[in-house]
Amino acid sequence: MSDIAAEPAEARGAMRRRLLAVRATLPDRAGADARIAGALATLLARLGAQRLGFYWPIQQEFDAREVVAQWLAALPGRQAALPVVSRPGAPLDFHAWTPDTTMHVGHYGIPVPDGTDAVLPDALLIPCVGFSPDKFRLGYGGGFYDRTLAALAESATAGAAPPLAIGIGFDACRVPLQAQEHDLPMDWIVTESGAV
């Protein structure tokens, strides 16, 4: 497709490093986080999801745990789940989480639920190192969310609806990113300016 262009790995790597540095030094970070939390809570209330996959925050990502805990408490029957890397190169698995869940250290040193049931999310909160105006995401380069979204889209053709993909980022990390062939756009992007 004409709007999909390959970018050298070095270009994406340099962009990723620059955006991580920007994110680490954002002014009024507490205010930005509070505005993201408000926009995210409002969006989640509107969407009607029942099984929400989200992420454990690393490298100065927005911490969604409080918003997710409030979302869980607001309506019985909702489930939240965190990603678990079963093996490199595979899509992510999601396992049930509540604020009381016992955690252990998983792959890459990221905490994961300890022995909880698998959950198939109908919405995913996905951290963005950067994102484009047309809602394509730049992640850390491991391809985990790309593989996961592709696998869930494939299972959707078998009858299940694909989960809504909700990217979480900061306005300062909006970039003119060229989508690559394997990239799937987010359905929503949430920043301190609101949900788009």
N, C-alpha and C. Protein backbone atom coordinates (compact mmCIF):
# COMPACT_ATOMS: atom_id res chain seq x y z
N MET A 1 0.84 -1.18 0.00
CA MET A 1 0.00 0.00 0.00
C MET A 1 0.88 1.24 0.00
N SER A 2 0.41 2.29 -0.61
CA SER A 2 1.23 3.48 -0.74
C SER A 2 1.44 4.20 0.58
N ASP A 3 0.49 4.06 1.54
CA ASP A 3 0.65 4.76 2.81
C ASP A 3 1.43 3.95 3.83
N ILE A 4 1.89 2.77 3.46
CA ILE A 4 2.71 1.96 4.35
C ILE A 4 4.12 1.90 3.79
N ALA A 5 5.04 2.41 4.55
CA ALA A 5 6.43 2.44 4.10
C ALA A 5 7.32 1.82 5.16
N ALA A 6 8.31 1.08 4.69
CA ALA A 6 9.27 0.50 5.63
C ALA A 6 10.19 1.60 6.13
N GLU A 7 10.48 1.57 7.43
CA GLU A 7 11.44 2.49 8.02
C GLU A 7 12.63 1.66 8.47
N PRO A 8 13.83 2.16 8.28
CA PRO A 8 14.98 1.42 8.78
C PRO A 8 14.86 1.21 10.28
N ALA A 9 15.31 0.06 10.74
CA ALA A 9 15.25 -0.23 12.18
C ALA A 9 15.96 0.86 12.98
N GLU A 10 17.05 1.40 12.42
CA GLU A 10 17.79 2.44 13.12
C GLU A 10 16.93 3.69 13.31
N ALA A 11 16.12 4.02 12.31
CA ALA A 11 15.28 5.22 12.41
C ALA A 11 14.24 5.02 13.51
N ARG A 12 13.61 3.86 13.54
CA ARG A 12 12.63 3.59 14.60
C ARG A 12 13.31 3.52 15.96
N GLY A 13 14.49 2.93 16.00
CA GLY A 13 15.22 2.84 17.26
C GLY A 13 15.57 4.21 17.80
N ALA A 14 16.03 5.11 16.94
CA ALA A 14 16.38 6.46 17.36
C ALA A 14 15.13 7.22 17.82
N MET A 15 14.04 7.05 17.08
CA MET A 15 12.78 7.69 17.46
C MET A 15 12.32 7.19 18.83
N ARG A 16 12.42 5.89 19.03
CA ARG A 16 12.01 5.28 20.30
C ARG A 16 12.84 5.86 21.46
N ARG A 17 14.15 5.93 21.28
CA ARG A 17 15.02 6.47 22.34
C ARG A 17 14.67 7.93 22.63
N ARG A 18 14.44 8.72 21.59
CA ARG A 18 14.09 10.13 21.78
C ARG A 18 12.77 10.27 22.53
N LEU A 19 11.76 9.47 22.15
CA LEU A 19 10.45 9.57 22.79
C LEU A 19 10.47 9.08 24.23
N LEU A 20 11.26 8.06 24.51
CA LEU A 20 11.39 7.61 25.90
C LEU A 20 12.03 8.70 26.76
N ALA A 21 13.00 9.42 26.20
CA ALA A 21 13.62 10.54 26.93
C ALA A 21 12.62 11.67 27.14
N VAL A 22 11.81 11.94 26.13
CA VAL A 22 10.76 12.97 26.27
C VAL A 22 9.80 12.57 27.38
N ARG A 23 9.34 11.32 27.35
CA ARG A 23 8.38 10.85 28.34
C ARG A 23 8.95 10.91 29.75
N ALA A 24 10.23 10.65 29.89
CA ALA A 24 10.87 10.64 31.21
C ALA A 24 11.01 12.03 31.80
N THR A 25 10.88 13.06 30.97
CA THR A 25 11.11 14.44 31.45
C THR A 25 9.92 15.36 31.19
N LEU A 26 8.73 14.80 31.09
CA LEU A 26 7.55 15.63 30.83
C LEU A 26 7.31 16.60 31.98
N PRO A 27 7.01 17.86 31.67
CA PRO A 27 6.65 18.79 32.74
C PRO A 27 5.23 18.47 33.24
N ASP A 28 4.96 18.79 34.48
CA ASP A 28 3.63 18.57 35.09
C ASP A 28 3.14 17.15 34.83
N ARG A 29 3.98 16.19 35.10
CA ARG A 29 3.61 14.80 34.85
C ARG A 29 2.40 14.38 35.68
N ALA A 30 2.33 14.84 36.94
CA ALA A 30 1.19 14.46 37.78
C ALA A 30 -0.11 14.98 37.17
N GLY A 31 -0.10 16.19 36.66
CA GLY A 31 -1.29 16.76 36.03
C GLY A 31 -1.67 16.00 34.77
N ALA A 32 -0.67 15.65 33.96
CA ALA A 32 -0.92 14.88 32.73
C ALA A 32 -1.51 13.52 33.08
N ASP A 33 -0.96 12.86 34.09
CA ASP A 33 -1.48 11.55 34.50
C ASP A 33 -2.92 11.66 34.98
N ALA A 34 -3.23 12.70 35.73
CA ALA A 34 -4.60 12.88 36.24
C ALA A 34 -5.58 13.10 35.08
N ARG A 35 -5.16 13.85 34.06
CA ARG A 35 -6.04 14.09 32.91
C ARG A 35 -6.22 12.81 32.09
N ILE A 36 -5.16 12.02 31.93
CA ILE A 36 -5.29 10.73 31.24
C ILE A 36 -6.25 9.83 32.02
N ALA A 37 -6.10 9.79 33.34
CA ALA A 37 -6.97 8.94 34.17
C ALA A 37 -8.43 9.33 33.98
N GLY A 38 -8.73 10.62 33.97
CA GLY A 38 -10.10 11.08 33.78
C GLY A 38 -10.65 10.72 32.41
N ALA A 39 -9.84 10.95 31.38
CA ALA A 39 -10.28 10.63 30.01
C ALA A 39 -10.47 9.13 29.83
N LEU A 40 -9.58 8.34 30.41
CA LEU A 40 -9.67 6.89 30.29
C LEU A 40 -10.90 6.36 31.03
N ALA A 41 -11.15 6.84 32.24
CA ALA A 41 -12.32 6.40 33.00
C ALA A 41 -13.60 6.71 32.24
N THR A 42 -13.68 7.90 31.65
CA THR A 42 -14.87 8.28 30.88
C THR A 42 -15.04 7.38 29.67
N LEU A 43 -13.94 7.12 28.95
CA LEU A 43 -14.02 6.25 27.77
C LEU A 43 -14.45 4.84 28.15
N LEU A 44 -13.85 4.28 29.20
CA LEU A 44 -14.20 2.91 29.60
C LEU A 44 -15.67 2.81 30.00
N ALA A 45 -16.19 3.84 30.65
CA ALA A 45 -17.60 3.83 31.04
C ALA A 45 -18.51 3.82 29.81
N ARG A 46 -18.07 4.47 28.73
CA ARG A 46 -18.87 4.55 27.50
C ARG A 46 -18.81 3.26 26.67
N LEU A 47 -17.68 2.56 26.70
CA LEU A 47 -17.46 1.46 25.76
C LEU A 47 -18.21 0.18 26.10
N GLY A 48 -18.46 -0.07 27.35
CA GLY A 48 -19.19 -1.27 27.72
C GLY A 48 -18.38 -2.55 27.72
N ALA A 49 -17.07 -2.45 27.75
CA ALA A 49 -16.24 -3.66 27.81
C ALA A 49 -16.48 -4.38 29.13
N GLN A 50 -16.34 -5.70 29.11
CA GLN A 50 -16.50 -6.51 30.31
C GLN A 50 -15.20 -7.19 30.74
N ARG A 51 -14.26 -7.35 29.79
CA ARG A 51 -12.99 -8.02 30.08
C ARG A 51 -11.86 -7.13 29.53
N LEU A 52 -11.18 -6.47 30.43
CA LEU A 52 -10.20 -5.45 30.05
C LEU A 52 -8.78 -5.94 30.27
N GLY A 53 -8.01 -6.05 29.19
CA GLY A 53 -6.59 -6.33 29.30
C GLY A 53 -5.86 -5.01 29.44
N PHE A 54 -4.89 -4.95 30.33
CA PHE A 54 -4.09 -3.72 30.46
C PHE A 54 -2.65 -4.11 30.73
N TYR A 55 -1.83 -3.21 31.20
CA TYR A 55 -0.40 -3.46 31.31
C TYR A 55 0.11 -3.01 32.66
N TRP A 56 1.17 -3.67 33.12
CA TRP A 56 1.88 -3.24 34.32
C TRP A 56 2.83 -2.13 33.88
N PRO A 57 2.81 -0.95 34.52
CA PRO A 57 3.60 0.18 34.00
C PRO A 57 5.11 0.01 34.18
N ILE A 58 5.82 0.29 33.11
CA ILE A 58 7.29 0.31 33.13
C ILE A 58 7.76 1.57 32.40
N GLN A 59 8.98 1.96 32.61
CA GLN A 59 9.63 3.05 31.87
C GLN A 59 8.77 4.31 31.75
N GLN A 60 8.25 4.78 32.85
CA GLN A 60 7.47 6.02 32.93
C GLN A 60 6.16 5.98 32.14
N GLU A 61 5.60 4.80 31.91
CA GLU A 61 4.28 4.72 31.28
C GLU A 61 3.22 5.23 32.24
N PHE A 62 2.08 5.65 31.70
CA PHE A 62 0.94 5.98 32.54
C PHE A 62 0.54 4.73 33.31
N ASP A 63 0.30 4.89 34.61
CA ASP A 63 -0.09 3.77 35.47
C ASP A 63 -1.61 3.71 35.52
N ALA A 64 -2.18 2.72 34.85
CA ALA A 64 -3.64 2.59 34.74
C ALA A 64 -4.26 1.78 35.88
N ARG A 65 -3.47 1.30 36.82
CA ARG A 65 -4.01 0.37 37.82
C ARG A 65 -5.16 0.97 38.64
N GLU A 66 -5.06 2.22 39.03
CA GLU A 66 -6.14 2.81 39.84
C GLU A 66 -7.42 2.95 39.02
N VAL A 67 -7.29 3.41 37.77
CA VAL A 67 -8.47 3.52 36.91
C VAL A 67 -9.10 2.14 36.70
N VAL A 68 -8.28 1.14 36.47
CA VAL A 68 -8.79 -0.22 36.24
C VAL A 68 -9.45 -0.75 37.51
N ALA A 69 -8.86 -0.50 38.67
CA ALA A 69 -9.46 -0.96 39.93
C ALA A 69 -10.83 -0.31 40.14
N GLN A 70 -10.95 0.98 39.84
CA GLN A 70 -12.25 1.66 39.96
C GLN A 70 -13.25 1.11 38.95
N TRP A 71 -12.78 0.83 37.73
CA TRP A 71 -13.63 0.26 36.69
C TRP A 71 -14.16 -1.11 37.14
N LEU A 72 -13.29 -1.93 37.73
CA LEU A 72 -13.70 -3.24 38.24
C LEU A 72 -14.76 -3.11 39.33
N ALA A 73 -14.55 -2.19 40.25
CA ALA A 73 -15.44 -2.04 41.40
C ALA A 73 -16.80 -1.47 41.01
N ALA A 74 -16.88 -0.78 39.87
CA ALA A 74 -18.11 -0.09 39.49
C ALA A 74 -19.23 -1.02 39.05
N LEU A 75 -18.89 -2.21 38.60
CA LEU A 75 -19.93 -3.11 38.07
C LEU A 75 -19.53 -4.56 38.29
N PRO A 76 -20.34 -5.33 39.01
CA PRO A 76 -20.01 -6.76 39.23
C PRO A 76 -19.91 -7.50 37.89
N GLY A 77 -19.03 -8.47 37.85
CA GLY A 77 -18.90 -9.31 36.66
C GLY A 77 -17.79 -8.87 35.72
N ARG A 78 -17.28 -7.68 35.91
CA ARG A 78 -16.17 -7.24 35.06
C ARG A 78 -14.90 -7.98 35.45
N GLN A 79 -14.00 -8.14 34.46
CA GLN A 79 -12.71 -8.77 34.71
C GLN A 79 -11.61 -7.90 34.13
N ALA A 80 -10.50 -7.83 34.84
CA ALA A 80 -9.30 -7.19 34.32
C ALA A 80 -8.21 -8.24 34.23
N ALA A 81 -7.27 -8.04 33.31
CA ALA A 81 -6.22 -9.04 33.10
C ALA A 81 -4.94 -8.36 32.68
N LEU A 82 -3.83 -8.93 33.10
CA LEU A 82 -2.51 -8.45 32.72
C LEU A 82 -1.86 -9.42 31.74
N PRO A 83 -0.99 -8.89 30.86
CA PRO A 83 -0.33 -9.76 29.89
C PRO A 83 0.77 -10.61 30.53
N VAL A 84 0.90 -11.80 29.97
CA VAL A 84 1.95 -12.73 30.39
C VAL A 84 2.65 -13.21 29.12
N VAL A 85 3.97 -13.13 29.11
CA VAL A 85 4.75 -13.64 27.99
C VAL A 85 4.97 -15.13 28.22
N SER A 86 4.34 -15.96 27.37
CA SER A 86 4.51 -17.40 27.54
C SER A 86 5.83 -17.86 26.94
N ARG A 87 6.21 -17.25 25.82
CA ARG A 87 7.49 -17.55 25.18
C ARG A 87 7.79 -16.44 24.17
N PRO A 88 9.06 -16.15 23.92
CA PRO A 88 9.40 -15.11 22.93
C PRO A 88 8.81 -15.45 21.56
N GLY A 89 8.31 -14.43 20.88
CA GLY A 89 7.77 -14.62 19.54
C GLY A 89 6.32 -15.05 19.50
N ALA A 90 5.70 -15.25 20.66
CA ALA A 90 4.29 -15.67 20.72
C ALA A 90 3.41 -14.48 21.11
N PRO A 91 2.13 -14.53 20.75
CA PRO A 91 1.21 -13.50 21.25
C PRO A 91 1.15 -13.54 22.78
N LEU A 92 0.75 -12.44 23.37
CA LEU A 92 0.60 -12.36 24.81
C LEU A 92 -0.62 -13.16 25.27
N ASP A 93 -0.50 -13.77 26.44
CA ASP A 93 -1.64 -14.35 27.14
C ASP A 93 -2.06 -13.32 28.19
N PHE A 94 -3.34 -13.34 28.57
CA PHE A 94 -3.81 -12.43 29.61
C PHE A 94 -4.38 -13.24 30.75
N HIS A 95 -4.00 -12.86 31.98
CA HIS A 95 -4.44 -13.57 33.18
C HIS A 95 -5.09 -12.60 34.16
N ALA A 96 -6.14 -13.08 34.83
CA ALA A 96 -6.98 -12.25 35.68
C ALA A 96 -6.16 -11.51 36.73
N TRP A 97 -6.58 -10.26 36.97
CA TRP A 97 -5.94 -9.39 37.96
C TRP A 97 -7.01 -8.63 38.73
N THR A 98 -6.81 -8.49 40.03
CA THR A 98 -7.52 -7.54 40.87
C THR A 98 -6.45 -6.86 41.72
N PRO A 99 -6.81 -5.78 42.41
CA PRO A 99 -5.80 -5.14 43.27
C PRO A 99 -5.22 -6.07 44.34
N ASP A 100 -5.92 -7.18 44.64
CA ASP A 100 -5.45 -8.12 45.67
C ASP A 100 -4.68 -9.31 45.10
N THR A 101 -4.52 -9.37 43.79
CA THR A 101 -3.86 -10.52 43.16
C THR A 101 -2.39 -10.61 43.58
N THR A 102 -1.98 -11.81 43.93
CA THR A 102 -0.57 -12.06 44.21
C THR A 102 0.19 -12.04 42.88
N MET A 103 1.32 -11.35 42.87
CA MET A 103 2.11 -11.20 41.65
C MET A 103 3.46 -11.89 41.82
N HIS A 104 4.04 -12.28 40.70
CA HIS A 104 5.43 -12.74 40.71
C HIS A 104 6.13 -12.12 39.49
N VAL A 105 7.44 -12.18 39.50
CA VAL A 105 8.21 -11.55 38.42
C VAL A 105 8.20 -12.48 37.20
N GLY A 106 7.76 -11.94 36.07
CA GLY A 106 7.72 -12.70 34.83
C GLY A 106 8.89 -12.35 33.93
N HIS A 107 8.74 -12.68 32.64
CA HIS A 107 9.77 -12.35 31.66
C HIS A 107 10.05 -10.85 31.69
N TYR A 108 11.29 -10.48 31.42
CA TYR A 108 11.73 -9.09 31.34
C TYR A 108 11.58 -8.35 32.67
N GLY A 109 11.41 -9.09 33.77
CA GLY A 109 11.33 -8.46 35.09
C GLY A 109 10.01 -7.76 35.38
N ILE A 110 8.98 -8.03 34.58
CA ILE A 110 7.69 -7.35 34.75
C ILE A 110 6.78 -8.24 35.59
N PRO A 111 6.13 -7.68 36.63
CA PRO A 111 5.23 -8.47 37.46
C PRO A 111 4.04 -9.01 36.67
N VAL A 112 3.65 -10.25 36.96
CA VAL A 112 2.50 -10.91 36.32
C VAL A 112 1.69 -11.60 37.40
N PRO A 113 0.39 -11.82 37.14
CA PRO A 113 -0.44 -12.54 38.13
C PRO A 113 0.08 -13.94 38.38
N ASP A 114 -0.01 -14.36 39.62
CA ASP A 114 0.51 -15.66 40.02
C ASP A 114 -0.61 -16.70 40.06
N GLY A 115 -0.72 -17.50 38.99
CA GLY A 115 -1.65 -18.62 38.97
C GLY A 115 -3.11 -18.29 38.77
N THR A 116 -3.43 -17.13 38.20
CA THR A 116 -4.84 -16.80 37.97
C THR A 116 -5.29 -17.34 36.61
N ASP A 117 -6.60 -17.36 36.40
CA ASP A 117 -7.18 -17.90 35.18
C ASP A 117 -6.88 -17.02 33.97
N ALA A 118 -6.84 -17.64 32.81
CA ALA A 118 -6.70 -16.91 31.55
C ALA A 118 -8.00 -16.16 31.26
N VAL A 119 -7.86 -14.99 30.63
CA VAL A 119 -8.99 -14.15 30.26
C VAL A 119 -8.81 -13.75 28.81
N LEU A 120 -9.88 -13.74 28.04
CA LEU A 120 -9.84 -13.26 26.66
C LEU A 120 -10.45 -11.85 26.66
N PRO A 121 -9.62 -10.81 26.57
CA PRO A 121 -10.13 -9.44 26.69
C PRO A 121 -11.02 -9.04 25.52
N ASP A 122 -12.01 -8.17 25.82
CA ASP A 122 -12.76 -7.54 24.74
C ASP A 122 -12.33 -6.09 24.54
N ALA A 123 -11.39 -5.63 25.35
CA ALA A 123 -10.73 -4.33 25.15
C ALA A 123 -9.33 -4.43 25.74
N LEU A 124 -8.38 -3.76 25.10
CA LEU A 124 -6.99 -3.77 25.56
C LEU A 124 -6.49 -2.35 25.73
N LEU A 125 -5.88 -2.05 26.86
CA LEU A 125 -5.12 -0.82 27.04
C LEU A 125 -3.69 -1.14 26.66
N ILE A 126 -3.14 -0.37 25.72
CA ILE A 126 -1.83 -0.68 25.17
C ILE A 126 -0.93 0.55 25.30
N PRO A 127 0.21 0.42 25.99
CA PRO A 127 1.08 1.57 26.16
C PRO A 127 1.75 1.96 24.84
N CYS A 128 1.85 3.26 24.61
CA CYS A 128 2.49 3.78 23.39
C CYS A 128 3.75 4.54 23.77
N VAL A 129 4.88 4.15 23.20
CA VAL A 129 6.07 4.99 23.29
C VAL A 129 5.81 6.24 22.46
N GLY A 130 5.23 6.03 21.29
CA GLY A 130 4.80 7.12 20.41
C GLY A 130 3.59 6.67 19.63
N PHE A 131 2.95 7.61 18.96
CA PHE A 131 1.78 7.28 18.15
C PHE A 131 1.61 8.36 17.09
N SER A 132 0.97 7.96 16.00
CA SER A 132 0.78 8.89 14.88
C SER A 132 -0.62 9.49 14.94
N PRO A 133 -0.85 10.59 14.21
CA PRO A 133 -2.19 11.17 14.17
C PRO A 133 -3.25 10.20 13.66
N ASP A 134 -2.84 9.20 12.85
CA ASP A 134 -3.82 8.22 12.36
C ASP A 134 -3.85 6.96 13.23
N LYS A 135 -3.37 7.09 14.48
CA LYS A 135 -3.52 6.09 15.54
C LYS A 135 -2.67 4.83 15.36
N PHE A 136 -1.56 4.92 14.65
CA PHE A 136 -0.61 3.82 14.65
C PHE A 136 0.35 4.03 15.82
N ARG A 137 0.78 2.93 16.41
CA ARG A 137 1.53 2.95 17.66
C ARG A 137 2.99 2.57 17.43
N LEU A 138 3.87 3.23 18.16
CA LEU A 138 5.27 2.82 18.25
C LEU A 138 5.45 2.26 19.64
N GLY A 139 5.86 0.98 19.71
CA GLY A 139 6.11 0.34 21.00
C GLY A 139 7.60 0.22 21.26
N TYR A 140 7.97 -0.81 22.02
CA TYR A 140 9.37 -1.00 22.40
C TYR A 140 10.16 -1.80 21.37
N GLY A 141 9.50 -2.33 20.36
CA GLY A 141 10.21 -3.03 19.31
C GLY A 141 10.17 -4.54 19.41
N GLY A 142 9.55 -5.09 20.44
CA GLY A 142 9.49 -6.54 20.58
C GLY A 142 8.37 -7.20 19.77
N GLY A 143 7.41 -6.42 19.33
CA GLY A 143 6.32 -6.95 18.50
C GLY A 143 5.24 -7.71 19.25
N PHE A 144 5.25 -7.68 20.59
CA PHE A 144 4.29 -8.47 21.34
C PHE A 144 2.85 -8.03 21.07
N TYR A 145 2.59 -6.75 21.11
CA TYR A 145 1.21 -6.30 20.88
C TYR A 145 0.80 -6.45 19.41
N ASP A 146 1.74 -6.27 18.49
CA ASP A 146 1.43 -6.51 17.08
C ASP A 146 0.98 -7.95 16.86
N ARG A 147 1.74 -8.90 17.41
CA ARG A 147 1.38 -10.32 17.28
C ARG A 147 0.07 -10.63 17.99
N THR A 148 -0.12 -10.02 19.16
CA THR A 148 -1.34 -10.28 19.92
C THR A 148 -2.57 -9.76 19.19
N LEU A 149 -2.51 -8.53 18.69
CA LEU A 149 -3.65 -7.96 17.97
C LEU A 149 -3.94 -8.76 16.70
N ALA A 150 -2.88 -9.18 16.00
CA ALA A 150 -3.08 -9.98 14.78
C ALA A 150 -3.74 -11.32 15.12
N ALA A 151 -3.28 -11.98 16.19
CA ALA A 151 -3.85 -13.27 16.58
C ALA A 151 -5.31 -13.11 17.01
N LEU A 152 -5.61 -12.05 17.74
CA LEU A 152 -6.98 -11.83 18.19
C LEU A 152 -7.88 -11.46 17.02
N ALA A 153 -7.34 -10.75 16.03
CA ALA A 153 -8.13 -10.43 14.83
C ALA A 153 -8.42 -11.72 14.05
N GLU A 154 -7.45 -12.64 13.99
CA GLU A 154 -7.68 -13.92 13.32
C GLU A 154 -8.76 -14.73 14.02
N SER A 155 -8.73 -14.74 15.35
CA SER A 155 -9.75 -15.49 16.08
C SER A 155 -11.11 -14.83 15.91
N ALA A 156 -11.12 -13.53 15.62
CA ALA A 156 -12.39 -12.82 15.40
C ALA A 156 -13.09 -13.33 14.16
N THR A 157 -12.31 -13.76 13.17
CA THR A 157 -12.94 -14.28 11.95
C THR A 157 -13.66 -15.60 12.24
N ALA A 158 -13.31 -16.23 13.36
CA ALA A 158 -13.97 -17.48 13.74
C ALA A 158 -15.22 -17.23 14.59
N GLY A 159 -15.62 -15.96 14.73
CA GLY A 159 -16.86 -15.68 15.44
C GLY A 159 -16.76 -14.70 16.58
N ALA A 160 -15.61 -14.61 17.23
CA ALA A 160 -15.46 -13.67 18.34
C ALA A 160 -15.07 -12.30 17.79
N ALA A 161 -15.60 -11.25 18.37
CA ALA A 161 -15.23 -9.90 17.94
C ALA A 161 -13.82 -9.59 18.41
N PRO A 162 -13.02 -8.88 17.60
CA PRO A 162 -11.68 -8.51 18.06
C PRO A 162 -11.79 -7.49 19.19
N PRO A 163 -10.83 -7.49 20.11
CA PRO A 163 -10.90 -6.51 21.19
C PRO A 163 -10.65 -5.10 20.67
N LEU A 164 -11.26 -4.13 21.34
CA LEU A 164 -10.94 -2.74 21.06
C LEU A 164 -9.52 -2.46 21.51
N ALA A 165 -8.74 -1.81 20.67
CA ALA A 165 -7.35 -1.47 21.00
C ALA A 165 -7.30 0.00 21.40
N ILE A 166 -6.94 0.24 22.65
CA ILE A 166 -6.91 1.60 23.21
C ILE A 166 -5.47 1.94 23.56
N GLY A 167 -4.83 2.77 22.74
CA GLY A 167 -3.46 3.19 23.01
C GLY A 167 -3.43 4.27 24.06
N ILE A 168 -2.45 4.20 24.97
CA ILE A 168 -2.29 5.18 26.03
C ILE A 168 -0.94 5.86 25.85
N GLY A 169 -0.94 7.17 25.69
CA GLY A 169 0.31 7.89 25.49
C GLY A 169 0.21 9.33 25.95
N PHE A 170 1.21 10.11 25.59
CA PHE A 170 1.27 11.52 25.96
C PHE A 170 1.35 12.37 24.70
N ASP A 171 0.72 13.54 24.75
CA ASP A 171 0.69 14.42 23.58
C ASP A 171 2.08 14.69 23.01
N ALA A 172 3.07 14.84 23.88
CA ALA A 172 4.42 15.15 23.42
C ALA A 172 5.04 14.01 22.61
N CYS A 173 4.42 12.84 22.63
CA CYS A 173 4.95 11.67 21.92
C CYS A 173 4.15 11.36 20.65
N ARG A 174 3.37 12.33 20.18
CA ARG A 174 2.68 12.19 18.89
C ARG A 174 3.72 12.49 17.81
N VAL A 175 3.89 11.56 16.86
CA VAL A 175 4.92 11.69 15.83
C VAL A 175 4.36 11.32 14.46
N PRO A 176 4.98 11.82 13.39
CA PRO A 176 4.57 11.42 12.04
C PRO A 176 5.15 10.05 11.70
N LEU A 177 4.54 9.02 12.24
CA LEU A 177 5.03 7.65 12.14
C LEU A 177 4.49 6.99 10.89
N GLN A 178 5.36 6.37 10.12
CA GLN A 178 4.94 5.58 8.97
C GLN A 178 4.55 4.19 9.44
N ALA A 179 3.33 3.76 9.12
CA ALA A 179 2.91 2.41 9.49
C ALA A 179 3.70 1.38 8.69
N GLN A 180 4.01 0.27 9.33
CA GLN A 180 4.64 -0.84 8.65
C GLN A 180 3.58 -1.89 8.33
N GLU A 181 3.93 -2.84 7.49
CA GLU A 181 2.93 -3.80 7.00
C GLU A 181 2.21 -4.55 8.10
N HIS A 182 2.92 -4.85 9.19
CA HIS A 182 2.31 -5.64 10.27
C HIS A 182 1.54 -4.77 11.27
N ASP A 183 1.63 -3.44 11.16
CA ASP A 183 1.00 -2.55 12.13
C ASP A 183 -0.51 -2.50 11.96
N LEU A 184 -1.21 -2.51 13.07
CA LEU A 184 -2.65 -2.31 13.09
C LEU A 184 -2.95 -1.03 13.86
N PRO A 185 -3.86 -0.20 13.37
CA PRO A 185 -4.14 1.05 14.09
C PRO A 185 -4.91 0.77 15.38
N MET A 186 -4.73 1.67 16.33
CA MET A 186 -5.53 1.62 17.54
C MET A 186 -6.95 2.09 17.21
N ASP A 187 -7.93 1.59 17.94
CA ASP A 187 -9.29 2.11 17.80
C ASP A 187 -9.42 3.46 18.49
N TRP A 188 -8.70 3.62 19.58
CA TRP A 188 -8.71 4.86 20.36
C TRP A 188 -7.27 5.17 20.79
N ILE A 189 -6.98 6.46 20.93
CA ILE A 189 -5.77 6.91 21.60
C ILE A 189 -6.21 7.81 22.74
N VAL A 190 -5.69 7.56 23.95
CA VAL A 190 -6.00 8.40 25.11
C VAL A 190 -4.72 9.09 25.53
N THR A 191 -4.78 10.42 25.62
CA THR A 191 -3.68 11.24 26.11
C THR A 191 -4.25 12.21 27.14
N GLU A 192 -3.39 13.10 27.61
CA GLU A 192 -3.85 14.11 28.57
C GLU A 192 -4.84 15.09 27.94
N SER A 193 -4.94 15.11 26.62
CA SER A 193 -5.92 15.97 25.95
C SER A 193 -7.28 15.31 25.80
N GLY A 194 -7.37 14.01 26.08
CA GLY A 194 -8.64 13.31 25.98
C GLY A 194 -8.52 12.06 25.14
N ALA A 195 -9.67 11.49 24.77
CA ALA A 195 -9.73 10.26 23.99
C ALA A 195 -10.11 10.60 22.55
N VAL A 196 -9.34 10.06 21.59
CA VAL A 196 -9.60 10.30 20.16
C VAL A 196 -9.89 8.96 19.51
